[in-house]
């Protein structure tokens, strides 16, 4: 939501903890695509609600993962 880049377990945990204090997201994977550079793009349907239950976003985005040595090295969220 805030943009930018983070790295490491603690930063990722802190990011998601902050997000869940502000929103209630539901993200449903619909399609997986291997990109030419080896990353995996996951087409997801996301419904984001505020903490009162009002829908503030309902649409598709891509979660793009780079996996190295069996671990997620990076994740990017792209608009579709």
C-alpha atoms as a PDB file:
ATOM      1  CA  UNK A   1       0.000   0.000   0.000  1.00  0.00           C
ATOM      2  CA  UNK A   2       2.775   2.407   0.767  1.00  0.00           C
ATOM      3  CA  UNK A   3       5.006   1.385  -2.109  1.00  0.00           C
ATOM      4  CA  UNK A   4       8.735   0.954  -1.794  1.00  0.00           C
ATOM      5  CA  UNK A   5      10.916  -2.048  -1.149  1.00  0.00           C
ATOM      6  CA  UNK A   6      11.612  -4.052   1.982  1.00  0.00           C
ATOM      7  CA  UNK A   7      13.973  -6.908   2.757  1.00  0.00           C
ATOM      8  CA  UNK A   8      14.306  -9.537   5.464  1.00  0.00           C
ATOM      9  CA  UNK A   9      11.961 -11.526   7.663  1.00  0.00           C
ATOM     10  CA  UNK A  10      11.416  -8.809  10.270  1.00  0.00           C
ATOM     11  CA  UNK A  11      10.661  -6.097   7.707  1.00  0.00           C
ATOM     12  CA  UNK A  12       8.210  -8.332   5.840  1.00  0.00           C
ATOM     13  CA  UNK A  13       6.484  -9.295   9.103  1.00  0.00           C
ATOM     14  CA  UNK A  14       6.255  -5.634  10.164  1.00  0.00           C
ATOM     15  CA  UNK A  15       4.855  -4.628   6.755  1.00  0.00           C
ATOM     16  CA  UNK A  16       2.036  -7.189   6.850  1.00  0.00           C
ATOM     17  CA  UNK A  17       1.286  -6.487  10.525  1.00  0.00           C
ATOM     18  CA  UNK A  18       0.841  -2.777   9.697  1.00  0.00           C
ATOM     19  CA  UNK A  19      -1.375  -3.607   6.694  1.00  0.00           C
ATOM     20  CA  UNK A  20      -3.681  -5.865   8.687  1.00  0.00           C
ATOM     21  CA  UNK A  21      -4.186  -3.109  11.258  1.00  0.00           C
ATOM     22  CA  UNK A  22      -5.635  -0.912   8.468  1.00  0.00           C
ATOM     23  CA  UNK A  23      -7.357  -3.322   6.046  1.00  0.00           C
ATOM     24  CA  UNK A  24      -8.911  -6.777   5.743  1.00  0.00           C
ATOM     25  CA  UNK A  25      -7.711  -8.290   2.439  1.00  0.00           C
ATOM     26  CA  UNK A  26      -8.826 -11.500   0.744  1.00  0.00           C
ATOM     27  CA  UNK A  27      -6.539 -12.604  -2.088  1.00  0.00           C
ATOM     28  CA  UNK A  28      -7.489 -15.570  -4.278  1.00  0.00           C
ATOM     29  CA  UNK A  29      -4.926 -16.967  -6.761  1.00  0.00           C
ATOM     30  CA  UNK A  30      -6.492 -17.629 -10.171  1.00  0.00           C
ATOM     31  CA  UNK A  31      -3.584 -18.304 -12.520  1.00  0.00           C
ATOM     32  CA  UNK A  32       0.166 -18.955 -12.377  1.00  0.00           C
ATOM     33  CA  UNK A  33       2.466 -17.868 -15.227  1.00  0.00           C
ATOM     34  CA  UNK A  34       6.196 -18.567 -15.593  1.00  0.00           C
ATOM     35  CA  UNK A  35       7.878 -15.427 -16.923  1.00  0.00           C
ATOM     36  CA  UNK A  36      10.813 -15.484 -19.343  1.00  0.00           C
ATOM     37  CA  UNK A  37      13.217 -14.360 -16.585  1.00  0.00           C
ATOM     38  CA  UNK A  38      12.191 -17.282 -14.331  1.00  0.00           C
ATOM     39  CA  UNK A  39       9.905 -15.332 -12.021  1.00  0.00           C
ATOM     40  CA  UNK A  40       6.424 -16.655 -11.286  1.00  0.00           C
ATOM     41  CA  UNK A  41       3.494 -14.275 -11.808  1.00  0.00           C
ATOM     42  CA  UNK A  42       0.378 -15.149  -9.842  1.00  0.00           C
ATOM     43  CA  UNK A  43      -2.806 -13.501 -11.118  1.00  0.00           C
ATOM     44  CA  UNK A  44      -4.908 -12.872  -8.030  1.00  0.00           C
ATOM     45  CA  UNK A  45      -8.376 -11.525  -7.379  1.00  0.00           C
ATOM     46  CA  UNK A  46      -8.230  -9.282  -4.352  1.00  0.00           C
ATOM     47  CA  UNK A  47     -11.030  -7.853  -2.303  1.00  0.00           C
ATOM     48  CA  UNK A  48      -9.864  -5.307   0.246  1.00  0.00           C
ATOM     49  CA  UNK A  49     -12.176  -4.138   3.000  1.00  0.00           C
ATOM     50  CA  UNK A  50     -11.700  -1.495   5.625  1.00  0.00           C
ATOM     51  CA  UNK A  51     -11.963  -2.622   9.227  1.00  0.00           C
ATOM     52  CA  UNK A  52     -15.714  -1.867   9.214  1.00  0.00           C
ATOM     53  CA  UNK A  53     -16.233  -4.337   6.339  1.00  0.00           C
ATOM     54  CA  UNK A  54     -16.723  -1.812   3.520  1.00  0.00           C
ATOM     55  CA  UNK A  55     -15.183  -2.866   0.188  1.00  0.00           C
ATOM     56  CA  UNK A  56     -12.530  -0.349  -0.841  1.00  0.00           C
ATOM     57  CA  UNK A  57     -10.981  -2.374  -3.684  1.00  0.00           C
ATOM     58  CA  UNK A  58     -12.162  -5.328  -5.766  1.00  0.00           C
ATOM     59  CA  UNK A  59      -9.977  -6.265  -8.705  1.00  0.00           C
ATOM     60  CA  UNK A  60      -7.096  -8.196 -10.209  1.00  0.00           C
ATOM     61  CA  UNK A  61      -3.375  -7.744  -9.548  1.00  0.00           C
ATOM     62  CA  UNK A  62      -0.254  -9.819 -10.096  1.00  0.00           C
ATOM     63  CA  UNK A  63       2.019 -11.027  -7.325  1.00  0.00           C
ATOM     64  CA  UNK A  64       5.381 -11.704  -8.960  1.00  0.00           C
ATOM     65  CA  UNK A  65       7.869 -13.925  -7.119  1.00  0.00           C
ATOM     66  CA  UNK A  66      11.543 -14.656  -7.651  1.00  0.00           C
ATOM     67  CA  UNK A  67      12.480 -17.935  -5.974  1.00  0.00           C
ATOM     68  CA  UNK A  68      16.111 -18.903  -5.339  1.00  0.00           C
ATOM     69  CA  UNK A  69      17.347 -21.976  -3.486  1.00  0.00           C
ATOM     70  CA  UNK A  70      13.757 -22.829  -2.546  1.00  0.00           C
ATOM     71  CA  UNK A  71      13.156 -19.460  -0.844  1.00  0.00           C
ATOM     72  CA  UNK A  72      11.258 -16.371  -1.969  1.00  0.00           C
ATOM     73  CA  UNK A  73      13.946 -13.859  -2.874  1.00  0.00           C
ATOM     74  CA  UNK A  74      11.582 -11.057  -3.903  1.00  0.00           C
ATOM     75  CA  UNK A  75       7.912 -10.253  -4.415  1.00  0.00           C
ATOM     76  CA  UNK A  76       6.482  -7.468  -6.523  1.00  0.00           C
ATOM     77  CA  UNK A  77       2.841  -6.415  -6.840  1.00  0.00           C
ATOM     78  CA  UNK A  78       1.834  -5.249 -10.319  1.00  0.00           C
ATOM     79  CA  UNK A  79      -1.396  -3.698 -11.493  1.00  0.00           C
ATOM     80  CA  UNK A  80      -3.186  -5.583 -14.272  1.00  0.00           C
END
